[in-house]
Amino acid sequence: MKGYLKVGEMSSHGRDKRNREKPSEQFQHEVVACSPVMELFRGYSKLLNEKNDKYERIYKTGRDITLRSKRVIFSLQRLPGIEEEEKTKILTSTSNELRDIEQTLLKHIAMELRDEEPYQFIGAYTGGIQEYIEALTFHQYLLTETIISHADVQERLTYGSREDSEAEVVPMSVLVTPKDFILGVSDVTGELMRYCIKSVSVGDFKTCFKICDLLRKMNSGYLSLGFLSSRELYHKKNVFKSSLSKVEEACYSLQLRKSEIPEDMLGSFFAMYDALDEDNSLI
């Protein structure tokens, strides 16, 4: 029928109107795409992508730090009961491993954080830095019977100082917050408890009493902190109390059993004690 269009057909007037509007729409899109606002958002998008990529790189490096630090701790737990020569080898190898972690993985994080606000990325490596502090503190205690300070840890993770033979133009460092330091030192209390029980089981009773004295001093320090609104610290304080209780129980039992069991048999008696089982008792 004349005067009607089939489906899909368009009148010449409609086609002309569409053709006239199309260049105008394209021009508007081009104007918007080239506007200062769009350029600004493109810049923000690029910055966010770069930040996310850097965060992911730091996170992966932090996982490597955690893995290698755990290996250091496992090696140090082998010391009770072995020969002095073998002890020296393990302490030397773990010292070299810690230094290598500092000069490779942690230095890589320091390079990533250069010219950046470190608190933006601290969540990416907080787990790794706590595990490293735990391994470093445990190693130093076995060497010097002292606990490393926060300032010493921060100094070890500062690169480009004047004392460094390969001095950088601008010093760079890995930020070690007081919270991460406290949490890392809290973790080492569990390792000291295990080391204490192992030492007793091989007849090294003096080490047990020394560790007990140290943990009591650390407990006094934690009590002096007062209330801290940190769920992680609250959990680790409870674990620390449990470790201290086990060490005190071992020392008390050791002192008590000395009058009942010959000294050369005390080690075999304590070897039956499982340090990881909270239900066991030596009394």
C-alpha atoms as a PDB file:
ATOM      1  CA  MET A   1       0.000   0.000   0.000  1.00  0.00           C
ATOM      2  CA  LYS A   2       1.192   3.446  -0.832  1.00  0.00           C
ATOM      3  CA  GLY A   3       1.906   5.818   2.009  1.00  0.00           C
ATOM      4  CA  TYR A   4       3.143   3.067   4.365  1.00  0.00           C
ATOM      5  CA  LEU A   5       6.718   1.880   4.953  1.00  0.00           C
ATOM      6  CA  LYS A   6       7.694  -1.686   5.529  1.00  0.00           C
ATOM      7  CA  VAL A   7       9.457  -2.770   8.718  1.00  0.00           C
ATOM      8  CA  GLY A   8      13.145  -1.835   8.554  1.00  0.00           C
ATOM      9  CA  GLU A   9      12.625   0.844   5.942  1.00  0.00           C
ATOM     10  CA  MET A  10      13.223   4.528   6.603  1.00  0.00           C
ATOM     11  CA  SER A  11      12.005   7.504   4.717  1.00  0.00           C
ATOM     12  CA  SER A  12      14.454   9.687   2.874  1.00  0.00           C
ATOM     13  CA  HIS A  13      13.659  12.472   5.330  1.00  0.00           C
ATOM     14  CA  GLY A  14      14.634  10.228   8.263  1.00  0.00           C
ATOM     15  CA  ARG A  15      17.869   9.156   6.607  1.00  0.00           C
ATOM     16  CA  ASP A  16      18.799  12.737   5.896  1.00  0.00           C
ATOM     17  CA  LYS A  17      18.108  13.706   9.500  1.00  0.00           C
ATOM     18  CA  ARG A  18      20.251  10.854  10.835  1.00  0.00           C
ATOM     19  CA  ASN A  19      23.109  11.746   8.503  1.00  0.00           C
ATOM     20  CA  ARG A  20      22.956  15.343   9.651  1.00  0.00           C
ATOM     21  CA  GLU A  21      23.058  14.398  13.346  1.00  0.00           C
ATOM     22  CA  LYS A  22      25.845  11.796  13.109  1.00  0.00           C
ATOM     23  CA  PRO A  23      28.768  14.183  12.490  1.00  0.00           C
ATOM     24  CA  SER A  24      27.510  16.393  15.307  1.00  0.00           C
ATOM     25  CA  GLU A  25      27.443  13.452  17.784  1.00  0.00           C
ATOM     26  CA  GLN A  26      30.891  12.306  16.751  1.00  0.00           C
ATOM     27  CA  PHE A  27      32.217  15.798  17.254  1.00  0.00           C
ATOM     28  CA  GLN A  28      30.688  15.955  20.742  1.00  0.00           C
ATOM     29  CA  HIS A  29      32.284  12.619  21.686  1.00  0.00           C
ATOM     30  CA  GLU A  30      35.658  13.830  20.450  1.00  0.00           C
ATOM     31  CA  VAL A  31      35.311  17.038  22.430  1.00  0.00           C
ATOM     32  CA  VAL A  32      34.411  15.135  25.620  1.00  0.00           C
ATOM     33  CA  ALA A  33      37.274  12.649  25.112  1.00  0.00           C
ATOM     34  CA  CYS A  34      39.748  15.517  24.788  1.00  0.00           C
ATOM     35  CA  SER A  35      38.354  17.535  27.666  1.00  0.00           C
ATOM     36  CA  PRO A  36      40.565  18.415  30.670  1.00  0.00           C
ATOM     37  CA  VAL A  37      38.297  16.398  32.963  1.00  0.00           C
ATOM     38  CA  MET A  38      38.761  13.218  30.931  1.00  0.00           C
ATOM     39  CA  GLU A  39      42.498  13.796  30.765  1.00  0.00           C
ATOM     40  CA  LEU A  40      42.508  14.183  34.528  1.00  0.00           C
ATOM     41  CA  PHE A  41      40.636  10.913  35.029  1.00  0.00           C
ATOM     42  CA  ARG A  42      42.994   9.119  32.651  1.00  0.00           C
ATOM     43  CA  GLY A  43      45.871  10.290  34.809  1.00  0.00           C
ATOM     44  CA  TYR A  44      44.143   9.028  37.956  1.00  0.00           C
ATOM     45  CA  SER A  45      43.463   5.692  36.310  1.00  0.00           C
ATOM     46  CA  LYS A  46      47.117   5.302  35.391  1.00  0.00           C
ATOM     47  CA  LEU A  47      48.240   6.179  38.926  1.00  0.00           C
ATOM     48  CA  LEU A  48      45.825   3.667  40.470  1.00  0.00           C
ATOM     49  CA  ASN A  49      46.979   0.904  38.139  1.00  0.00           C
ATOM     50  CA  GLU A  50      50.612   1.616  38.955  1.00  0.00           C
ATOM     51  CA  LYS A  51      49.842   1.633  42.688  1.00  0.00           C
ATOM     52  CA  ASN A  52      47.972  -1.675  42.493  1.00  0.00           C
ATOM     53  CA  ASP A  53      50.810  -3.271  40.517  1.00  0.00           C
ATOM     54  CA  LYS A  54      53.375  -2.040  43.071  1.00  0.00           C
ATOM     55  CA  TYR A  55      51.240  -3.284  45.967  1.00  0.00           C
ATOM     56  CA  GLU A  56      51.078  -6.734  44.360  1.00  0.00           C
ATOM     57  CA  ARG A  57      54.850  -6.834  43.816  1.00  0.00           C
ATOM     58  CA  ILE A  58      55.501  -5.879  47.447  1.00  0.00           C
ATOM     59  CA  TYR A  59      52.971  -8.461  48.654  1.00  0.00           C
ATOM     60  CA  LYS A  60      54.708 -11.246  46.727  1.00  0.00           C
ATOM     61  CA  THR A  61      58.075 -10.170  48.100  1.00  0.00           C
ATOM     62  CA  GLY A  62      56.607 -10.177  51.621  1.00  0.00           C
ATOM     63  CA  ARG A  63      55.512 -13.792  51.174  1.00  0.00           C
ATOM     64  CA  ASP A  64      59.042 -14.756  50.156  1.00  0.00           C
ATOM     65  CA  ILE A  65      60.380 -13.016  53.278  1.00  0.00           C
ATOM     66  CA  THR A  66      57.953 -15.007  55.433  1.00  0.00           C
ATOM     67  CA  LEU A  67      58.997 -18.310  53.866  1.00  0.00           C
ATOM     68  CA  ARG A  68      62.735 -17.732  54.210  1.00  0.00           C
ATOM     69  CA  SER A  69      62.408 -16.376  57.762  1.00  0.00           C
ATOM     70  CA  LYS A  70      60.509 -19.502  58.812  1.00  0.00           C
ATOM     71  CA  ARG A  71      63.342 -21.618  57.442  1.00  0.00           C
ATOM     72  CA  VAL A  72      65.799 -19.666  59.597  1.00  0.00           C
ATOM     73  CA  ILE A  73      63.671 -20.344  62.692  1.00  0.00           C
ATOM     74  CA  PHE A  74      63.411 -24.065  61.901  1.00  0.00           C
ATOM     75  CA  SER A  75      67.200 -24.248  61.548  1.00  0.00           C
ATOM     76  CA  LEU A  76      67.744 -22.514  64.895  1.00  0.00           C
ATOM     77  CA  GLN A  77      65.396 -24.941  66.661  1.00  0.00           C
ATOM     78  CA  ARG A  78      67.825 -27.735  65.775  1.00  0.00           C
ATOM     79  CA  LEU A  79      70.540 -26.349  68.064  1.00  0.00           C
ATOM     80  CA  PRO A  80      69.675 -28.066  71.373  1.00  0.00           C
ATOM     81  CA  GLY A  81      71.656 -31.256  71.845  1.00  0.00           C
ATOM     82  CA  ILE A  82      74.069 -30.980  68.900  1.00  0.00           C
ATOM     83  CA  GLU A  83      77.838 -30.526  68.930  1.00  0.00           C
ATOM     84  CA  GLU A  84      79.342 -27.062  69.347  1.00  0.00           C
ATOM     85  CA  GLU A  85      80.951 -27.171  65.925  1.00  0.00           C
ATOM     86  CA  GLU A  86      77.627 -27.918  64.293  1.00  0.00           C
ATOM     87  CA  LYS A  87      75.982 -25.155  66.339  1.00  0.00           C
ATOM     88  CA  THR A  88      78.523 -22.655  65.060  1.00  0.00           C
ATOM     89  CA  LYS A  89      77.846 -23.693  61.472  1.00  0.00           C
ATOM     90  CA  ILE A  90      74.089 -23.299  61.879  1.00  0.00           C
ATOM     91  CA  LEU A  91      74.409 -19.899  63.570  1.00  0.00           C
ATOM     92  CA  THR A  92      76.744 -18.701  60.814  1.00  0.00           C
ATOM     93  CA  SER A  93      74.541 -19.990  57.999  1.00  0.00           C
ATOM     94  CA  THR A  94      71.385 -18.463  59.516  1.00  0.00           C
ATOM     95  CA  SER A  95      73.215 -15.154  60.034  1.00  0.00           C
ATOM     96  CA  ASN A  96      74.191 -15.164  56.353  1.00  0.00           C
ATOM     97  CA  GLU A  97      70.622 -16.046  55.385  1.00  0.00           C
ATOM     98  CA  LEU A  98      69.214 -13.138  57.380  1.00  0.00           C
ATOM     99  CA  ARG A  99      71.714 -10.777  55.787  1.00  0.00           C
ATOM    100  CA  ASP A 100      70.790 -12.086  52.340  1.00  0.00           C
ATOM    101  CA  ILE A 101      67.096 -11.502  53.076  1.00  0.00           C
ATOM    102  CA  GLU A 102      67.958  -7.922  54.012  1.00  0.00           C
ATOM    103  CA  GLN A 103      70.092  -7.265  50.938  1.00  0.00           C
ATOM    104  CA  THR A 104      67.716  -8.831  48.390  1.00  0.00           C
ATOM    105  CA  LEU A 105      64.046  -9.061  49.374  1.00  0.00           C
ATOM    106  CA  LEU A 106      63.841  -6.279  51.940  1.00  0.00           C
ATOM    107  CA  LYS A 107      66.028  -3.992  49.851  1.00  0.00           C
ATOM    108  CA  HIS A 108      63.673  -4.608  46.933  1.00  0.00           C
ATOM    109  CA  ILE A 109      60.783  -3.392  49.095  1.00  0.00           C
ATOM    110  CA  ALA A 110      62.827  -0.344  50.096  1.00  0.00           C
ATOM    111  CA  MET A 111      63.386   0.460  46.427  1.00  0.00           C
ATOM    112  CA  GLU A 112      59.657   0.102  45.736  1.00  0.00           C
ATOM    113  CA  LEU A 113      58.855   2.449  48.624  1.00  0.00           C
ATOM    114  CA  ARG A 114      61.282   5.148  47.546  1.00  0.00           C
ATOM    115  CA  ASP A 115      59.463   8.454  46.983  1.00  0.00           C
ATOM    116  CA  GLU A 116      56.224   6.798  48.176  1.00  0.00           C
ATOM    117  CA  GLU A 117      54.117   7.185  51.290  1.00  0.00           C
ATOM    118  CA  PRO A 118      55.033   3.885  53.042  1.00  0.00           C
ATOM    119  CA  TYR A 119      51.794   3.662  55.032  1.00  0.00           C
ATOM    120  CA  GLN A 120      49.919   3.121  51.762  1.00  0.00           C
ATOM    121  CA  PHE A 121      51.774  -0.175  51.221  1.00  0.00           C
ATOM    122  CA  ILE A 122      52.490  -1.343  54.765  1.00  0.00           C
ATOM    123  CA  GLY A 123      49.645  -3.847  54.644  1.00  0.00           C
ATOM    124  CA  ALA A 124      51.408  -5.644  51.777  1.00  0.00           C
ATOM    125  CA  TYR A 125      54.516  -6.573  53.766  1.00  0.00           C
ATOM    126  CA  THR A 126      53.474  -6.439  57.428  1.00  0.00           C
ATOM    127  CA  GLY A 127      53.318 -10.247  57.694  1.00  0.00           C
ATOM    128  CA  GLY A 128      56.755 -10.665  56.166  1.00  0.00           C
ATOM    129  CA  ILE A 129      58.391  -7.998  58.332  1.00  0.00           C
ATOM    130  CA  GLN A 130      56.947  -9.539  61.508  1.00  0.00           C
ATOM    131  CA  GLU A 131      58.281 -12.980  60.565  1.00  0.00           C
ATOM    132  CA  TYR A 132      61.679 -11.477  59.772  1.00  0.00           C
ATOM    133  CA  ILE A 133      61.765  -9.676  63.156  1.00  0.00           C
ATOM    134  CA  GLU A 134      60.863 -12.957  64.858  1.00  0.00           C
ATOM    135  CA  ALA A 135      63.728 -14.794  63.143  1.00  0.00           C
ATOM    136  CA  LEU A 136      66.184 -11.937  63.745  1.00  0.00           C
ATOM    137  CA  THR A 137      65.260 -11.623  67.425  1.00  0.00           C
ATOM    138  CA  PHE A 138      65.492 -15.377  67.983  1.00  0.00           C
ATOM    139  CA  HIS A 139      68.898 -15.491  66.287  1.00  0.00           C
ATOM    140  CA  GLN A 140      70.267 -12.566  68.303  1.00  0.00           C
ATOM    141  CA  TYR A 141      69.078 -14.062  71.582  1.00  0.00           C
ATOM    142  CA  LEU A 142      70.888 -17.328  70.853  1.00  0.00           C
ATOM    143  CA  LEU A 143      74.055 -15.343  70.129  1.00  0.00           C
ATOM    144  CA  THR A 144      73.976 -12.672  72.837  1.00  0.00           C
ATOM    145  CA  GLU A 145      71.067 -13.594  75.167  1.00  0.00           C
ATOM    146  CA  THR A 146      69.576 -10.154  74.489  1.00  0.00           C
ATOM    147  CA  ILE A 147      66.536  -8.882  72.586  1.00  0.00           C
ATOM    148  CA  ILE A 148      67.143  -6.631  69.604  1.00  0.00           C
ATOM    149  CA  SER A 149      65.743  -3.098  69.781  1.00  0.00           C
ATOM    150  CA  HIS A 150      63.411  -1.366  67.361  1.00  0.00           C
ATOM    151  CA  ALA A 151      66.131   1.155  66.460  1.00  0.00           C
ATOM    152  CA  ASP A 152      68.573  -1.641  65.579  1.00  0.00           C
ATOM    153  CA  VAL A 153      66.030  -3.337  63.317  1.00  0.00           C
ATOM    154  CA  GLN A 154      65.275  -0.066  61.535  1.00  0.00           C
ATOM    155  CA  GLU A 155      68.996   0.589  61.097  1.00  0.00           C
ATOM    156  CA  ARG A 156      69.522  -2.828  59.490  1.00  0.00           C
ATOM    157  CA  LEU A 157      66.765  -2.042  56.999  1.00  0.00           C
ATOM    158  CA  THR A 158      68.084   1.412  56.057  1.00  0.00           C
ATOM    159  CA  TYR A 159      70.143   1.447  52.873  1.00  0.00           C
ATOM    160  CA  GLY A 160      72.426   4.081  51.430  1.00  0.00           C
ATOM    161  CA  SER A 161      74.010   5.296  54.670  1.00  0.00           C
ATOM    162  CA  ARG A 162      77.506   6.707  54.779  1.00  0.00           C
ATOM    163  CA  GLU A 163      78.833   3.491  56.222  1.00  0.00           C
ATOM    164  CA  ASP A 164      77.527   1.581  53.207  1.00  0.00           C
ATOM    165  CA  SER A 165      80.241   1.065  50.606  1.00  0.00           C
ATOM    166  CA  GLU A 166      77.611   1.219  47.874  1.00  0.00           C
ATOM    167  CA  ALA A 167      76.060   4.436  49.140  1.00  0.00           C
ATOM    168  CA  GLU A 168      72.954   5.673  47.366  1.00  0.00           C
ATOM    169  CA  VAL A 169      72.398   9.330  46.584  1.00  0.00           C
ATOM    170  CA  VAL A 170      69.217   9.311  48.696  1.00  0.00           C
ATOM    171  CA  PRO A 171      68.964   6.844  51.626  1.00  0.00           C
ATOM    172  CA  MET A 172      66.039   4.443  51.442  1.00  0.00           C
ATOM    173  CA  SER A 173      64.536   2.180  54.060  1.00  0.00           C
ATOM    174  CA  VAL A 174      61.742  -0.246  54.891  1.00  0.00           C
ATOM    175  CA  LEU A 175      59.427   1.307  57.442  1.00  0.00           C
ATOM    176  CA  VAL A 176      59.246  -0.788  60.635  1.00  0.00           C
ATOM    177  CA  THR A 177      56.337   0.485  62.701  1.00  0.00           C
ATOM    178  CA  PRO A 178      56.359   0.022  66.492  1.00  0.00           C
ATOM    179  CA  LYS A 179      53.275  -2.175  66.120  1.00  0.00           C
ATOM    180  CA  ASP A 180      55.006  -4.559  63.694  1.00  0.00           C
ATOM    181  CA  PHE A 181      58.064  -4.658  65.945  1.00  0.00           C
ATOM    182  CA  ILE A 182      56.026  -5.523  69.042  1.00  0.00           C
ATOM    183  CA  LEU A 183      54.049  -8.184  67.184  1.00  0.00           C
ATOM    184  CA  GLY A 184      57.234  -9.700  65.763  1.00  0.00           C
ATOM    185  CA  VAL A 185      58.878  -9.869  69.185  1.00  0.00           C
ATOM    186  CA  SER A 186      55.661 -11.362  70.599  1.00  0.00           C
ATOM    187  CA  ASP A 187      55.946 -14.241  68.134  1.00  0.00           C
ATOM    188  CA  VAL A 188      59.461 -15.116  69.294  1.00  0.00           C
ATOM    189  CA  THR A 189      58.177 -15.976  72.780  1.00  0.00           C
ATOM    190  CA  GLY A 190      56.645 -19.160  71.397  1.00  0.00           C
ATOM    191  CA  GLU A 191      59.929 -20.143  69.768  1.00  0.00           C
ATOM    192  CA  LEU A 192      61.783 -19.482  73.041  1.00  0.00           C
ATOM    193  CA  MET A 193      59.324 -21.734  74.859  1.00  0.00           C
ATOM    194  CA  ARG A 194      59.946 -24.575  72.391  1.00  0.00           C
ATOM    195  CA  TYR A 195      63.680 -24.020  72.589  1.00  0.00           C
ATOM    196  CA  CYS A 196      63.478 -24.123  76.398  1.00  0.00           C
ATOM    197  CA  ILE A 197      61.641 -27.465  76.472  1.00  0.00           C
ATOM    198  CA  LYS A 198      64.022 -28.980  73.920  1.00  0.00           C
ATOM    199  CA  SER A 199      67.004 -27.762  75.932  1.00  0.00           C
ATOM    200  CA  VAL A 200      65.655 -29.370  79.084  1.00  0.00           C
ATOM    201  CA  SER A 201      65.028 -32.657  77.267  1.00  0.00           C
ATOM    202  CA  VAL A 202      68.734 -32.849  76.304  1.00  0.00           C
ATOM    203  CA  GLY A 203      69.940 -31.928  79.797  1.00  0.00           C
ATOM    204  CA  ASP A 204      70.626 -28.210  79.280  1.00  0.00           C
ATOM    205  CA  PHE A 205      68.837 -26.928  82.387  1.00  0.00           C
ATOM    206  CA  LYS A 206      70.537 -23.526  82.631  1.00  0.00           C
ATOM    207  CA  THR A 207      69.003 -22.416  79.340  1.00  0.00           C
ATOM    208  CA  CYS A 208      65.537 -23.117  80.661  1.00  0.00           C
ATOM    209  CA  PHE A 209      65.971 -20.822  83.681  1.00  0.00           C
ATOM    210  CA  LYS A 210      67.558 -18.077  81.538  1.00  0.00           C
ATOM    211  CA  ILE A 211      64.641 -18.131  79.103  1.00  0.00           C
ATOM    212  CA  CYS A 212      62.188 -18.083  82.005  1.00  0.00           C
ATOM    213  CA  ASP A 213      63.818 -14.941  83.428  1.00  0.00           C
ATOM    214  CA  LEU A 214      63.736 -13.278  80.009  1.00  0.00           C
ATOM    215  CA  LEU A 215      60.066 -14.082  79.418  1.00  0.00           C
ATOM    216  CA  ARG A 216      59.161 -12.702  82.841  1.00  0.00           C
ATOM    217  CA  LYS A 217      60.911  -9.424  82.031  1.00  0.00           C
ATOM    218  CA  MET A 218      59.126  -9.289  78.684  1.00  0.00           C
ATOM    219  CA  ASN A 219      55.824  -9.926  80.434  1.00  0.00           C
ATOM    220  CA  SER A 220      56.477  -6.929  82.697  1.00  0.00           C
ATOM    221  CA  GLY A 221      57.090  -4.852  79.587  1.00  0.00           C
ATOM    222  CA  TYR A 222      53.815  -5.964  78.011  1.00  0.00           C
ATOM    223  CA  LEU A 223      51.911  -5.179  81.194  1.00  0.00           C
ATOM    224  CA  SER A 224      53.376  -1.661  81.160  1.00  0.00           C
ATOM    225  CA  LEU A 225      51.825  -1.012  77.744  1.00  0.00           C
ATOM    226  CA  GLY A 226      48.372  -0.895  79.281  1.00  0.00           C
ATOM    227  CA  PHE A 227      45.321  -1.199  77.063  1.00  0.00           C
ATOM    228  CA  LEU A 228      45.950  -1.310  73.318  1.00  0.00           C
ATOM    229  CA  SER A 229      43.100  -1.470  70.833  1.00  0.00           C
ATOM    230  CA  SER A 230      44.757  -4.123  68.684  1.00  0.00           C
ATOM    231  CA  ARG A 231      43.115  -7.489  68.129  1.00  0.00           C
ATOM    232  CA  GLU A 232      46.396  -8.982  66.912  1.00  0.00           C
ATOM    233  CA  LEU A 233      48.298  -7.870  70.007  1.00  0.00           C
ATOM    234  CA  TYR A 234      45.522  -9.100  72.300  1.00  0.00           C
ATOM    235  CA  HIS A 235      45.673 -12.557  70.696  1.00  0.00           C
ATOM    236  CA  LYS A 236      49.464 -12.718  70.833  1.00  0.00           C
ATOM    237  CA  LYS A 237      49.513 -11.582  74.461  1.00  0.00           C
ATOM    238  CA  ASN A 238      47.320 -14.573  75.302  1.00  0.00           C
ATOM    239  CA  VAL A 239      49.670 -16.887  73.410  1.00  0.00           C
ATOM    240  CA  PHE A 240      52.606 -15.291  75.225  1.00  0.00           C
ATOM    241  CA  LYS A 241      50.974 -15.947  78.611  1.00  0.00           C
ATOM    242  CA  SER A 242      50.520 -19.582  77.641  1.00  0.00           C
ATOM    243  CA  SER A 243      54.190 -19.880  76.616  1.00  0.00           C
ATOM    244  CA  LEU A 244      55.354 -18.239  79.838  1.00  0.00           C
ATOM    245  CA  SER A 245      53.163 -20.585  81.871  1.00  0.00           C
ATOM    246  CA  LYS A 246      54.715 -23.640  80.183  1.00  0.00           C
ATOM    247  CA  VAL A 247      58.253 -22.394  80.790  1.00  0.00           C
ATOM    248  CA  GLU A 248      57.517 -21.587  84.435  1.00  0.00           C
ATOM    249  CA  GLU A 249      55.962 -25.007  84.870  1.00  0.00           C
ATOM    250  CA  ALA A 250      59.034 -26.657  83.359  1.00  0.00           C
ATOM    251  CA  CYS A 251      61.374 -24.681  85.644  1.00  0.00           C
ATOM    252  CA  TYR A 252      59.300 -25.438  88.724  1.00  0.00           C
ATOM    253  CA  SER A 253      59.104 -29.126  87.846  1.00  0.00           C
ATOM    254  CA  LEU A 254      62.819 -29.213  87.161  1.00  0.00           C
ATOM    255  CA  GLN A 255      63.583 -27.726  90.546  1.00  0.00           C
ATOM    256  CA  LEU A 256      61.115 -30.077  92.213  1.00  0.00           C
ATOM    257  CA  ARG A 257      62.304 -33.267  90.505  1.00  0.00           C
ATOM    258  CA  LYS A 258      65.964 -32.636  91.238  1.00  0.00           C
ATOM    259  CA  SER A 259      65.482 -34.117  94.702  1.00  0.00           C
ATOM    260  CA  GLU A 260      63.667 -37.178  93.339  1.00  0.00           C
ATOM    261  CA  ILE A 261      65.378 -38.065  90.058  1.00  0.00           C
ATOM    262  CA  PRO A 262      69.132 -38.244  89.362  1.00  0.00           C
ATOM    263  CA  GLU A 263      70.324 -35.318  87.274  1.00  0.00           C
ATOM    264  CA  ASP A 264      71.506 -37.554  84.435  1.00  0.00           C
ATOM    265  CA  MET A 265      67.955 -38.936  84.133  1.00  0.00           C
ATOM    266  CA  LEU A 266      66.097 -35.632  84.261  1.00  0.00           C
ATOM    267  CA  GLY A 267      66.578 -35.062  80.544  1.00  0.00           C
ATOM    268  CA  SER A 268      64.848 -38.336  79.687  1.00  0.00           C
ATOM    269  CA  PHE A 269      61.975 -37.474  82.034  1.00  0.00           C
ATOM    270  CA  PHE A 270      61.389 -34.078  80.421  1.00  0.00           C
ATOM    271  CA  ALA A 271      61.696 -35.526  76.924  1.00  0.00           C
ATOM    272  CA  MET A 272      58.234 -37.030  77.455  1.00  0.00           C
ATOM    273  CA  TYR A 273      56.738 -33.574  77.734  1.00  0.00           C
ATOM    274  CA  ASP A 274      55.035 -32.292  74.577  1.00  0.00           C
ATOM    275  CA  ALA A 275      55.471 -28.512  74.512  1.00  0.00           C
ATOM    276  CA  LEU A 276      52.564 -28.117  72.100  1.00  0.00           C
ATOM    277  CA  ASP A 277      50.017 -29.945  74.252  1.00  0.00           C
ATOM    278  CA  GLU A 278      48.439 -27.595  76.774  1.00  0.00           C
ATOM    279  CA  ASP A 279      46.919 -30.455  78.759  1.00  0.00           C
ATOM    280  CA  ASN A 280      50.245 -31.994  79.752  1.00  0.00           C
ATOM    281  CA  SER A 281      51.637 -31.304  83.201  1.00  0.00           C
ATOM    282  CA  LEU A 282      54.986 -32.051  84.804  1.00  0.00           C
ATOM    283  CA  ILE A 283      53.944 -31.413  88.356  1.00  0.00           C
END
